[in-house]
Amino acid sequence: MDGASHFRIFWSIMLPLVRPAIVTVLLFEFVAKWDDYLTPLIYLNDPNKYTLAVGLASFLKAPGLESRWDLWMAGSVLVMLPVLVLFFVAQRHFIEGISAGAVKG
């Protein structure tokens, strides 16, 4: 790559090598932020601004819905769907990133 700029070297050589690791970190960070319960619980006071995790937990305390486990489980499945879809979309890069440092033998 004689004569290539720094950006061209990064784009053509470095980025394809680190793409699986970047996708893996992005997936882990998305799941960590999506499932975060404690931070929004501390900062948010308005129930209209609750995140899905906090809203789902407060659903158990709603009057008349304390024993409606079927509704709570349906809500849990709906909250889990975006993470599941993202995993299947990024599965190839995710598995590549996990096995990048593995010893083959």
PDB file of N, CA and C in Angstrom:
ATOM      1  N   MET A   1       0.837  -1.178   0.000  1.00  0.00           N
ATOM      2  CA  MET A   1       0.000   0.000   0.000  1.00  0.00           C
ATOM      3  C   MET A   1       0.883   1.243   0.000  1.00  0.00           C
ATOM      4  N   ASP A   2       1.842   1.232  -0.891  1.00  0.00           N
ATOM      5  CA  ASP A   2       2.720   2.399  -1.011  1.00  0.00           C
ATOM      6  C   ASP A   2       1.933   3.613  -1.468  1.00  0.00           C
ATOM      7  N   GLY A   3       2.143   4.705  -0.808  1.00  0.00           N
ATOM      8  CA  GLY A   3       1.516   5.961  -1.178  1.00  0.00           C
ATOM      9  C   GLY A   3       0.118   6.148  -0.624  1.00  0.00           C
ATOM     10  N   ALA A   4      -0.381   5.201   0.130  1.00  0.00           N
ATOM     11  CA  ALA A   4      -1.730   5.341   0.690  1.00  0.00           C
ATOM     12  C   ALA A   4      -1.699   6.273   1.901  1.00  0.00           C
ATOM     13  N   SER A   5      -2.784   7.005   2.065  1.00  0.00           N
ATOM     14  CA  SER A   5      -2.875   7.909   3.211  1.00  0.00           C
ATOM     15  C   SER A   5      -3.159   7.095   4.477  1.00  0.00           C
ATOM     16  N   HIS A   6      -3.067   7.779   5.613  1.00  0.00           N
ATOM     17  CA  HIS A   6      -3.340   7.112   6.884  1.00  0.00           C
ATOM     18  C   HIS A   6      -4.772   6.598   6.929  1.00  0.00           C
ATOM     19  N   PHE A   7      -5.697   7.406   6.412  1.00  0.00           N
ATOM     20  CA  PHE A   7      -7.095   6.985   6.408  1.00  0.00           C
ATOM     21  C   PHE A   7      -7.301   5.761   5.517  1.00  0.00           C
ATOM     22  N   ARG A   8      -6.649   5.734   4.356  1.00  0.00           N
ATOM     23  CA  ARG A   8      -6.778   4.591   3.435  1.00  0.00           C
ATOM     24  C   ARG A   8      -6.203   3.322   4.057  1.00  0.00           C
ATOM     25  N   ILE A   9      -5.106   3.419   4.751  1.00  0.00           N
ATOM     26  CA  ILE A   9      -4.513   2.261   5.428  1.00  0.00           C
ATOM     27  C   ILE A   9      -5.456   1.770   6.529  1.00  0.00           C
ATOM     28  N   PHE A  10      -6.007   2.700   7.277  1.00  0.00           N
ATOM     29  CA  PHE A  10      -6.953   2.312   8.326  1.00  0.00           C
ATOM     30  C   PHE A  10      -8.180   1.635   7.713  1.00  0.00           C
ATOM     31  N   TRP A  11      -8.738   2.244   6.651  1.00  0.00           N
ATOM     32  CA  TRP A  11      -9.976   1.737   6.051  1.00  0.00           C
ATOM     33  C   TRP A  11      -9.768   0.389   5.363  1.00  0.00           C
ATOM     34  N   SER A  12      -8.629   0.184   4.723  1.00  0.00           N
ATOM     35  CA  SER A  12      -8.407  -1.029   3.919  1.00  0.00           C
ATOM     36  C   SER A  12      -7.764  -2.168   4.690  1.00  0.00           C
ATOM     37  N   ILE A  13      -6.976  -1.854   5.706  1.00  0.00           N
ATOM     38  CA  ILE A  13      -6.235  -2.903   6.403  1.00  0.00           C
ATOM     39  C   ILE A  13      -6.732  -3.094   7.834  1.00  0.00           C
ATOM     40  N   MET A  14      -6.750  -2.022   8.601  1.00  0.00           N
ATOM     41  CA  MET A  14      -7.062  -2.145  10.024  1.00  0.00           C
ATOM     42  C   MET A  14      -8.535  -2.457  10.290  1.00  0.00           C
ATOM     43  N   LEU A  15      -9.436  -1.742   9.635  1.00  0.00           N
ATOM     44  CA  LEU A  15     -10.860  -1.913   9.916  1.00  0.00           C
ATOM     45  C   LEU A  15     -11.367  -3.327   9.622  1.00  0.00           C
ATOM     46  N   PRO A  16     -10.997  -3.949   8.494  1.00  0.00           N
ATOM     47  CA  PRO A  16     -11.455  -5.336   8.300  1.00  0.00           C
ATOM     48  C   PRO A  16     -10.930  -6.313   9.343  1.00  0.00           C
ATOM     49  N   LEU A  17      -9.780  -6.031   9.924  1.00  0.00           N
ATOM     50  CA  LEU A  17      -9.222  -6.922  10.935  1.00  0.00           C
ATOM     51  C   LEU A  17      -9.918  -6.785  12.286  1.00  0.00           C
ATOM     52  N   VAL A  18     -10.361  -5.580  12.614  1.00  0.00           N
ATOM     53  CA  VAL A  18     -10.970  -5.362  13.929  1.00  0.00           C
ATOM     54  C   VAL A  18     -12.496  -5.334  13.889  1.00  0.00           C
ATOM     55  N   ARG A  19     -13.099  -5.503  12.721  1.00  0.00           N
ATOM     56  CA  ARG A  19     -14.556  -5.450  12.617  1.00  0.00           C
ATOM     57  C   ARG A  19     -15.256  -6.469  13.515  1.00  0.00           C
ATOM     58  N   PRO A  20     -14.833  -7.742  13.574  1.00  0.00           N
ATOM     59  CA  PRO A  20     -15.505  -8.674  14.487  1.00  0.00           C
ATOM     60  C   PRO A  20     -15.434  -8.245  15.954  1.00  0.00           C
ATOM     61  N   ALA A  21     -14.303  -7.695  16.363  1.00  0.00           N
ATOM     62  CA  ALA A  21     -14.169  -7.241  17.750  1.00  0.00           C
ATOM     63  C   ALA A  21     -15.062  -6.037  18.013  1.00  0.00           C
ATOM     64  N   ILE A  22     -15.166  -5.118  17.067  1.00  0.00           N
ATOM     65  CA  ILE A  22     -16.018  -3.948  17.231  1.00  0.00           C
ATOM     66  C   ILE A  22     -17.479  -4.362  17.324  1.00  0.00           C
ATOM     67  N   VAL A  23     -17.905  -5.287  16.461  1.00  0.00           N
ATOM     68  CA  VAL A  23     -19.293  -5.753  16.486  1.00  0.00           C
ATOM     69  C   VAL A  23     -19.592  -6.458  17.806  1.00  0.00           C
ATOM     70  N   THR A  24     -18.641  -7.241  18.312  1.00  0.00           N
ATOM     71  CA  THR A  24     -18.836  -7.937  19.580  1.00  0.00           C
ATOM     72  C   THR A  24     -18.973  -6.949  20.735  1.00  0.00           C
ATOM     73  N   VAL A  25     -18.129  -5.944  20.775  1.00  0.00           N
ATOM     74  CA  VAL A  25     -18.215  -4.930  21.834  1.00  0.00           C
ATOM     75  C   VAL A  25     -19.516  -4.146  21.728  1.00  0.00           C
ATOM     76  N   LEU A  26     -19.918  -3.793  20.508  1.00  0.00           N
ATOM     77  CA  LEU A  26     -21.175  -3.071  20.329  1.00  0.00           C
ATOM     78  C   LEU A  26     -22.364  -3.903  20.793  1.00  0.00           C
ATOM     79  N   LEU A  27     -22.352  -5.193  20.496  1.00  0.00           N
ATOM     80  CA  LEU A  27     -23.438  -6.066  20.927  1.00  0.00           C
ATOM     81  C   LEU A  27     -23.495  -6.173  22.446  1.00  0.00           C
ATOM     82  N   PHE A  28     -22.342  -6.363  23.084  1.00  0.00           N
ATOM     83  CA  PHE A  28     -22.302  -6.442  24.546  1.00  0.00           C
ATOM     84  C   PHE A  28     -22.764  -5.134  25.184  1.00  0.00           C
ATOM     85  N   GLU A  29     -22.341  -3.996  24.644  1.00  0.00           N
ATOM     86  CA  GLU A  29     -22.732  -2.703  25.204  1.00  0.00           C
ATOM     87  C   GLU A  29     -24.217  -2.437  25.015  1.00  0.00           C
ATOM     88  N   PHE A  30     -24.754  -2.811  23.849  1.00  0.00           N
ATOM     89  CA  PHE A  30     -26.187  -2.628  23.633  1.00  0.00           C
ATOM     90  C   PHE A  30     -26.998  -3.449  24.632  1.00  0.00           C
ATOM     91  N   VAL A  31     -26.609  -4.692  24.837  1.00  0.00           N
ATOM     92  CA  VAL A  31     -27.327  -5.548  25.783  1.00  0.00           C
ATOM     93  C   VAL A  31     -27.198  -4.999  27.202  1.00  0.00           C
ATOM     94  N   ALA A  32     -26.026  -4.501  27.558  1.00  0.00           N
ATOM     95  CA  ALA A  32     -25.830  -3.953  28.903  1.00  0.00           C
ATOM     96  C   ALA A  32     -26.698  -2.715  29.125  1.00  0.00           C
ATOM     97  N   LYS A  33     -26.781  -1.843  28.142  1.00  0.00           N
ATOM     98  CA  LYS A  33     -27.601  -0.632  28.291  1.00  0.00           C
ATOM     99  C   LYS A  33     -29.086  -0.957  28.191  1.00  0.00           C
ATOM    100  N   TRP A  34     -29.454  -1.906  27.352  1.00  0.00           N
ATOM    101  CA  TRP A  34     -30.863  -2.276  27.185  1.00  0.00           C
ATOM    102  C   TRP A  34     -31.419  -2.901  28.462  1.00  0.00           C
ATOM    103  N   ASP A  35     -30.612  -3.726  29.130  1.00  0.00           N
ATOM    104  CA  ASP A  35     -31.060  -4.423  30.325  1.00  0.00           C
ATOM    105  C   ASP A  35     -30.805  -3.643  31.611  1.00  0.00           C
ATOM    106  N   ASP A  36     -30.265  -2.443  31.519  1.00  0.00           N
ATOM    107  CA  ASP A  36     -29.939  -1.672  32.708  1.00  0.00           C
ATOM    108  C   ASP A  36     -31.214  -1.312  33.463  1.00  0.00           C
ATOM    109  N   TYR A  37     -31.241  -1.659  34.712  1.00  0.00           N
ATOM    110  CA  TYR A  37     -32.413  -1.419  35.546  1.00  0.00           C
ATOM    111  C   TYR A  37     -32.142  -0.341  36.594  1.00  0.00           C
ATOM    112  N   LEU A  38     -30.993  -0.422  37.226  1.00  0.00           N
ATOM    113  CA  LEU A  38     -30.735   0.426  38.384  1.00  0.00           C
ATOM    114  C   LEU A  38     -30.522   1.893  38.019  1.00  0.00           C
ATOM    115  N   THR A  39     -29.765   2.179  36.966  1.00  0.00           N
ATOM    116  CA  THR A  39     -29.477   3.572  36.615  1.00  0.00           C
ATOM    117  C   THR A  39     -30.743   4.351  36.258  1.00  0.00           C
ATOM    118  N   PRO A  40     -31.615   3.854  35.368  1.00  0.00           N
ATOM    119  CA  PRO A  40     -32.847   4.604  35.100  1.00  0.00           C
ATOM    120  C   PRO A  40     -33.761   4.697  36.322  1.00  0.00           C
ATOM    121  N   LEU A  41     -33.725   3.682  37.170  1.00  0.00           N
ATOM    122  CA  LEU A  41     -34.552   3.709  38.371  1.00  0.00           C
ATOM    123  C   LEU A  41     -34.125   4.840  39.302  1.00  0.00           C
ATOM    124  N   ILE A  42     -32.837   5.126  39.334  1.00  0.00           N
ATOM    125  CA  ILE A  42     -32.324   6.194  40.188  1.00  0.00           C
ATOM    126  C   ILE A  42     -32.640   7.566  39.602  1.00  0.00           C
ATOM    127  N   TYR A  43     -32.451   7.736  38.293  1.00  0.00           N
ATOM    128  CA  TYR A  43     -32.534   9.066  37.684  1.00  0.00           C
ATOM    129  C   TYR A  43     -33.929   9.484  37.249  1.00  0.00           C
ATOM    130  N   LEU A  44     -34.783   8.556  36.893  1.00  0.00           N
ATOM    131  CA  LEU A  44     -36.089   8.912  36.347  1.00  0.00           C
ATOM    132  C   LEU A  44     -37.155   8.950  37.437  1.00  0.00           C
ATOM    133  N   ASN A  45     -37.903  10.032  37.478  1.00  0.00           N
ATOM    134  CA  ASN A  45     -38.986  10.180  38.444  1.00  0.00           C
ATOM    135  C   ASN A  45     -40.355  10.103  37.788  1.00  0.00           C
ATOM    136  N   ASP A  46     -40.426  10.425  36.518  1.00  0.00           N
ATOM    137  CA  ASP A  46     -41.697  10.442  35.800  1.00  0.00           C
ATOM    138  C   ASP A  46     -41.968   9.064  35.194  1.00  0.00           C
ATOM    139  N   PRO A  47     -43.075   8.409  35.556  1.00  0.00           N
ATOM    140  CA  PRO A  47     -43.369   7.078  34.987  1.00  0.00           C
ATOM    141  C   PRO A  47     -43.531   7.078  33.467  1.00  0.00           C
ATOM    142  N   ASN A  48     -43.822   8.235  32.868  1.00  0.00           N
ATOM    143  CA  ASN A  48     -43.938   8.313  31.406  1.00  0.00           C
ATOM    144  C   ASN A  48     -42.591   8.201  30.714  1.00  0.00           C
ATOM    145  N   LYS A  49     -41.495   8.394  31.458  1.00  0.00           N
ATOM    146  CA  LYS A  49     -40.157   8.336  30.866  1.00  0.00           C
ATOM    147  C   LYS A  49     -39.380   7.080  31.247  1.00  0.00           C
ATOM    148  N   TYR A  50     -40.033   6.142  31.906  1.00  0.00           N
ATOM    149  CA  TYR A  50     -39.366   4.908  32.320  1.00  0.00           C
ATOM    150  C   TYR A  50     -38.862   4.125  31.110  1.00  0.00           C
ATOM    151  N   THR A  51     -37.741   3.466  31.293  1.00  0.00           N
ATOM    152  CA  THR A  51     -37.252   2.560  30.260  1.00  0.00           C
ATOM    153  C   THR A  51     -38.067   1.270  30.330  1.00  0.00           C
ATOM    154  N   LEU A  52     -37.852   0.389  29.372  1.00  0.00           N
ATOM    155  CA  LEU A  52     -38.645  -0.843  29.331  1.00  0.00           C
ATOM    156  C   LEU A  52     -38.399  -1.728  30.544  1.00  0.00           C
ATOM    157  N   ALA A  53     -37.155  -1.801  31.001  1.00  0.00           N
ATOM    158  CA  ALA A  53     -36.854  -2.658  32.152  1.00  0.00           C
ATOM    159  C   ALA A  53     -37.538  -2.137  33.415  1.00  0.00           C
ATOM    160  N   VAL A  54     -37.498  -0.849  33.632  1.00  0.00           N
ATOM    161  CA  VAL A  54     -38.131  -0.262  34.817  1.00  0.00           C
ATOM    162  C   VAL A  54     -39.647  -0.337  34.684  1.00  0.00           C
ATOM    163  N   GLY A  55     -40.162  -0.075  33.502  1.00  0.00           N
ATOM    164  CA  GLY A  55     -41.604  -0.162  33.291  1.00  0.00           C
ATOM    165  C   GLY A  55     -42.134  -1.570  33.488  1.00  0.00           C
ATOM    166  N   LEU A  56     -41.374  -2.551  33.043  1.00  0.00           N
ATOM    167  CA  LEU A  56     -41.790  -3.938  33.212  1.00  0.00           C
ATOM    168  C   LEU A  56     -41.778  -4.335  34.687  1.00  0.00           C
ATOM    169  N   ALA A  57     -40.794  -3.863  35.423  1.00  0.00           N
ATOM    170  CA  ALA A  57     -40.741  -4.164  36.856  1.00  0.00           C
ATOM    171  C   ALA A  57     -41.881  -3.459  37.604  1.00  0.00           C
ATOM    172  N   SER A  58     -42.208  -2.247  37.198  1.00  0.00           N
ATOM    173  CA  SER A  58     -43.312  -1.543  37.857  1.00  0.00           C
ATOM    174  C   SER A  58     -44.662  -2.125  37.468  1.00  0.00           C
ATOM    175  N   PHE A  59     -44.711  -2.868  36.381  1.00  0.00           N
ATOM    176  CA  PHE A  59     -45.935  -3.531  35.945  1.00  0.00           C
ATOM    177  C   PHE A  59     -46.399  -4.550  36.978  1.00  0.00           C
ATOM    178  N   LEU A  60     -45.460  -5.168  37.680  1.00  0.00           N
ATOM    179  CA  LEU A  60     -45.818  -6.136  38.720  1.00  0.00           C
ATOM    180  C   LEU A  60     -46.488  -5.475  39.918  1.00  0.00           C
ATOM    181  N   LYS A  61     -46.215  -4.189  40.125  1.00  0.00           N
ATOM    182  CA  LYS A  61     -46.756  -3.488  41.285  1.00  0.00           C
ATOM    183  C   LYS A  61     -48.047  -2.736  40.967  1.00  0.00           C
ATOM    184  N   ALA A  62     -48.500  -2.830  39.712  1.00  0.00           N
ATOM    185  CA  ALA A  62     -49.712  -2.113  39.319  1.00  0.00           C
ATOM    186  C   ALA A  62     -50.926  -2.714  40.029  1.00  0.00           C
ATOM    187  N   PRO A  63     -51.849  -1.884  40.462  1.00  0.00           N
ATOM    188  CA  PRO A  63     -53.024  -2.407  41.173  1.00  0.00           C
ATOM    189  C   PRO A  63     -53.854  -3.330  40.272  1.00  0.00           C
ATOM    190  N   GLY A  64     -54.158  -4.497  40.792  1.00  0.00           N
ATOM    191  CA  GLY A  64     -54.961  -5.462  40.061  1.00  0.00           C
ATOM    192  C   GLY A  64     -54.171  -6.377  39.144  1.00  0.00           C
ATOM    193  N   LEU A  65     -52.881  -6.087  38.967  1.00  0.00           N
ATOM    194  CA  LEU A  65     -52.057  -6.893  38.060  1.00  0.00           C
ATOM    195  C   LEU A  65     -50.965  -7.660  38.793  1.00  0.00           C
ATOM    196  N   GLU A  66     -51.040  -7.703  40.133  1.00  0.00           N
ATOM    197  CA  GLU A  66     -49.983  -8.341  40.907  1.00  0.00           C
ATOM    198  C   GLU A  66     -49.823  -9.818  40.573  1.00  0.00           C
ATOM    199  N   SER A  67     -50.911 -10.500  40.275  1.00  0.00           N
ATOM    200  CA  SER A  67     -50.837 -11.944  40.044  1.00  0.00           C
ATOM    201  C   SER A  67     -50.987 -12.315  38.572  1.00  0.00           C
ATOM    202  N   ARG A  68     -50.879 -11.355  37.669  1.00  0.00           N
ATOM    203  CA  ARG A  68     -51.019 -11.640  36.241  1.00  0.00           C
ATOM    204  C   ARG A  68     -49.666 -11.968  35.635  1.00  0.00           C
ATOM    205  N   TRP A  69     -49.157 -13.153  35.956  1.00  0.00           N
ATOM    206  CA  TRP A  69     -47.848 -13.574  35.476  1.00  0.00           C
ATOM    207  C   TRP A  69     -47.836 -13.797  33.968  1.00  0.00           C
ATOM    208  N   ASP A  70     -48.973 -14.121  33.386  1.00  0.00           N
ATOM    209  CA  ASP A  70     -49.031 -14.315  31.937  1.00  0.00           C
ATOM    210  C   ASP A  70     -48.739 -13.005  31.207  1.00  0.00           C
ATOM    211  N   LEU A  71     -49.277 -11.900  31.696  1.00  0.00           N
ATOM    212  CA  LEU A  71     -48.999 -10.603  31.078  1.00  0.00           C
ATOM    213  C   LEU A  71     -47.551 -10.176  31.291  1.00  0.00           C
ATOM    214  N   TRP A  72     -47.029 -10.472  32.473  1.00  0.00           N
ATOM    215  CA  TRP A  72     -45.643 -10.106  32.757  1.00  0.00           C
ATOM    216  C   TRP A  72     -44.675 -10.889  31.875  1.00  0.00           C
ATOM    217  N   MET A  73     -44.950 -12.161  31.653  1.00  0.00           N
ATOM    218  CA  MET A  73     -44.080 -12.970  30.792  1.00  0.00           C
ATOM    219  C   MET A  73     -44.196 -12.545  29.329  1.00  0.00           C
ATOM    220  N   ALA A  74     -45.391 -12.170  28.896  1.00  0.00           N
ATOM    221  CA  ALA A  74     -45.550 -11.663  27.529  1.00  0.00           C
ATOM    222  C   ALA A  74     -44.766 -10.364  27.349  1.00  0.00           C
ATOM    223  N   GLY A  75     -44.806  -9.492  28.345  1.00  0.00           N
ATOM    224  CA  GLY A  75     -44.016  -8.265  28.298  1.00  0.00           C
ATOM    225  C   GLY A  75     -42.524  -8.549  28.282  1.00  0.00           C
ATOM    226  N   SER A  76     -42.098  -9.552  29.030  1.00  0.00           N
ATOM    227  CA  SER A  76     -40.675  -9.922  29.052  1.00  0.00           C
ATOM    228  C   SER A  76     -40.211 -10.405  27.680  1.00  0.00           C
ATOM    229  N   VAL A  77     -41.043 -11.158  27.007  1.00  0.00           N
ATOM    230  CA  VAL A  77     -40.692 -11.631  25.657  1.00  0.00           C
ATOM    231  C   VAL A  77     -40.596 -10.457  24.697  1.00  0.00           C
ATOM    232  N   LEU A  78     -41.514  -9.509  24.794  1.00  0.00           N
ATOM    233  CA  LEU A  78     -41.474  -8.347  23.907  1.00  0.00           C
ATOM    234  C   LEU A  78     -40.254  -7.466  24.175  1.00  0.00           C
ATOM    235  N   VAL A  79     -39.850  -7.352  25.430  1.00  0.00           N
ATOM    236  CA  VAL A  79     -38.657  -6.564  25.761  1.00  0.00           C
ATOM    237  C   VAL A  79     -37.398  -7.274  25.265  1.00  0.00           C
ATOM    238  N   MET A  80     -37.422  -8.593  25.224  1.00  0.00           N
ATOM    239  CA  MET A  80     -36.254  -9.366  24.821  1.00  0.00           C
ATOM    240  C   MET A  80     -36.085  -9.435  23.295  1.00  0.00           C
ATOM    241  N   LEU A  81     -37.148  -9.227  22.532  1.00  0.00           N
ATOM    242  CA  LEU A  81     -37.097  -9.394  21.078  1.00  0.00           C
ATOM    243  C   LEU A  81     -36.047  -8.541  20.355  1.00  0.00           C
ATOM    244  N   PRO A  82     -35.898  -7.235  20.634  1.00  0.00           N
ATOM    245  CA  PRO A  82     -34.866  -6.470  19.913  1.00  0.00           C
ATOM    246  C   PRO A  82     -33.451  -7.010  20.131  1.00  0.00           C
ATOM    247  N   VAL A  83     -33.148  -7.468  21.333  1.00  0.00           N
ATOM    248  CA  VAL A  83     -31.817  -8.033  21.597  1.00  0.00           C
ATOM    249  C   VAL A  83     -31.629  -9.326  20.811  1.00  0.00           C
ATOM    250  N   LEU A  84     -32.651 -10.144  20.752  1.00  0.00           N
ATOM    251  CA  LEU A  84     -32.589 -11.397  20.017  1.00  0.00           C
ATOM    252  C   LEU A  84     -32.421 -11.154  18.522  1.00  0.00           C
ATOM    253  N   VAL A  85     -33.144 -10.209  17.976  1.00  0.00           N
ATOM    254  CA  VAL A  85     -33.021  -9.873  16.554  1.00  0.00           C
ATOM    255  C   VAL A  85     -31.626  -9.334  16.261  1.00  0.00           C
ATOM    256  N   LEU A  86     -31.121  -8.451  17.119  1.00  0.00           N
ATOM    257  CA  LEU A  86     -29.768  -7.911  16.920  1.00  0.00           C
ATOM    258  C   LEU A  86     -28.723  -9.008  16.973  1.00  0.00           C
ATOM    259  N   PHE A  87     -28.879  -9.979  17.869  1.00  0.00           N
ATOM    260  CA  PHE A  87     -27.919 -11.064  17.945  1.00  0.00           C
ATOM    261  C   PHE A  87     -27.916 -11.880  16.658  1.00  0.00           C
ATOM    262  N   PHE A  88     -29.088 -12.203  16.138  1.00  0.00           N
ATOM    263  CA  PHE A  88     -29.130 -13.006  14.919  1.00  0.00           C
ATOM    264  C   PHE A  88     -28.620 -12.239  13.707  1.00  0.00           C
ATOM    265  N   VAL A  89     -28.796 -10.927  13.685  1.00  0.00           N
ATOM    266  CA  VAL A  89     -28.262 -10.117  12.593  1.00  0.00           C
ATOM    267  C   VAL A  89     -26.735 -10.073  12.655  1.00  0.00           C
ATOM    268  N   ALA A  90     -26.190  -9.949  13.864  1.00  0.00           N
ATOM    269  CA  ALA A  90     -24.742  -9.798  14.033  1.00  0.00           C
ATOM    270  C   ALA A  90     -24.060 -11.103  14.440  1.00  0.00           C
ATOM    271  N   GLN A  91     -24.734 -12.232  14.294  1.00  0.00           N
ATOM    272  CA  GLN A  91     -24.196 -13.504  14.788  1.00  0.00           C
ATOM    273  C   GLN A  91     -22.874 -13.881  14.122  1.00  0.00           C
ATOM    274  N   ARG A  92     -22.776 -13.696  12.818  1.00  0.00           N
ATOM    275  CA  ARG A  92     -21.547 -14.071  12.102  1.00  0.00           C
ATOM    276  C   ARG A  92     -20.355 -13.285  12.631  1.00  0.00           C
ATOM    277  N   HIS A  93     -20.512 -11.971  12.780  1.00  0.00           N
ATOM    278  CA  HIS A  93     -19.420 -11.145  13.300  1.00  0.00           C
ATOM    279  C   HIS A  93     -19.165 -11.444  14.773  1.00  0.00           C
ATOM    280  N   PHE A  94     -20.214 -11.722  15.520  1.00  0.00           N
ATOM    281  CA  PHE A  94     -20.082 -12.017  16.945  1.00  0.00           C
ATOM    282  C   PHE A  94     -19.265 -13.284  17.161  1.00  0.00           C
ATOM    283  N   ILE A  95     -19.578 -14.349  16.450  1.00  0.00           N
ATOM    284  CA  ILE A  95     -18.845 -15.609  16.580  1.00  0.00           C
ATOM    285  C   ILE A  95     -17.412 -15.445  16.088  1.00  0.00           C
ATOM    286  N   GLU A  96     -17.229 -14.663  15.025  1.00  0.00           N
ATOM    287  CA  GLU A  96     -15.887 -14.392  14.516  1.00  0.00           C
ATOM    288  C   GLU A  96     -15.055 -13.647  15.557  1.00  0.00           C
ATOM    289  N   GLY A  97     -15.654 -12.688  16.245  1.00  0.00           N
ATOM    290  CA  GLY A  97     -14.944 -11.924  17.263  1.00  0.00           C
ATOM    291  C   GLY A  97     -14.614 -12.748  18.483  1.00  0.00           C
ATOM    292  N   ILE A  98     -15.500 -13.655  18.856  1.00  0.00           N
ATOM    293  CA  ILE A  98     -15.250 -14.508  20.020  1.00  0.00           C
ATOM    294  C   ILE A  98     -14.108 -15.474  19.732  1.00  0.00           C
ATOM    295  N   SER A  99     -14.085 -16.032  18.530  1.00  0.00           N
ATOM    296  CA  SER A  99     -13.079 -17.046  18.201  1.00  0.00           C
ATOM    297  C   SER A  99     -11.816 -16.469  17.588  1.00  0.00           C
ATOM    298  N   ALA A 100     -11.690 -15.149  17.499  1.00  0.00           N
ATOM    299  CA  ALA A 100     -10.521 -14.547  16.858  1.00  0.00           C
ATOM    300  C   ALA A 100      -9.229 -14.878  17.597  1.00  0.00           C
ATOM    301  N   GLY A 101      -9.267 -14.954  18.901  1.00  0.00           N
ATOM    302  CA  GLY A 101      -8.058 -15.218  19.646  1.00  0.00           C
ATOM    303  C   GLY A 101      -7.880 -16.682  20.022  1.00  0.00           C
ATOM    304  N   ALA A 102      -8.775 -17.524  19.555  1.00  0.00           N
ATOM    305  CA  ALA A 102      -8.704 -18.939  19.908  1.00  0.00           C
ATOM    306  C   ALA A 102      -7.584 -19.640  19.155  1.00  0.00           C
ATOM    307  N   VAL A 103      -7.007 -20.630  19.784  1.00  0.00           N
ATOM    308  CA  VAL A 103      -5.945 -21.409  19.166  1.00  0.00           C
ATOM    309  C   VAL A 103      -6.594 -22.561  18.406  1.00  0.00           C
ATOM    310  N   LYS A 104      -6.257 -22.666  17.127  1.00  0.00           N
ATOM    311  CA  LYS A 104      -6.809 -23.742  16.313  1.00  0.00           C
ATOM    312  C   LYS A 104      -5.841 -24.905  16.332  1.00  0.00           C
ATOM    313  N   GLY A 105      -6.413 -26.086  16.380  1.00  0.00           N
ATOM    314  CA  GLY A 105      -5.493 -27.213  16.425  1.00  0.00           C
ATOM    315  C   GLY A 105      -6.078 -28.503  15.979  1.00  0.00           C
TER     316      GLY A 105
END
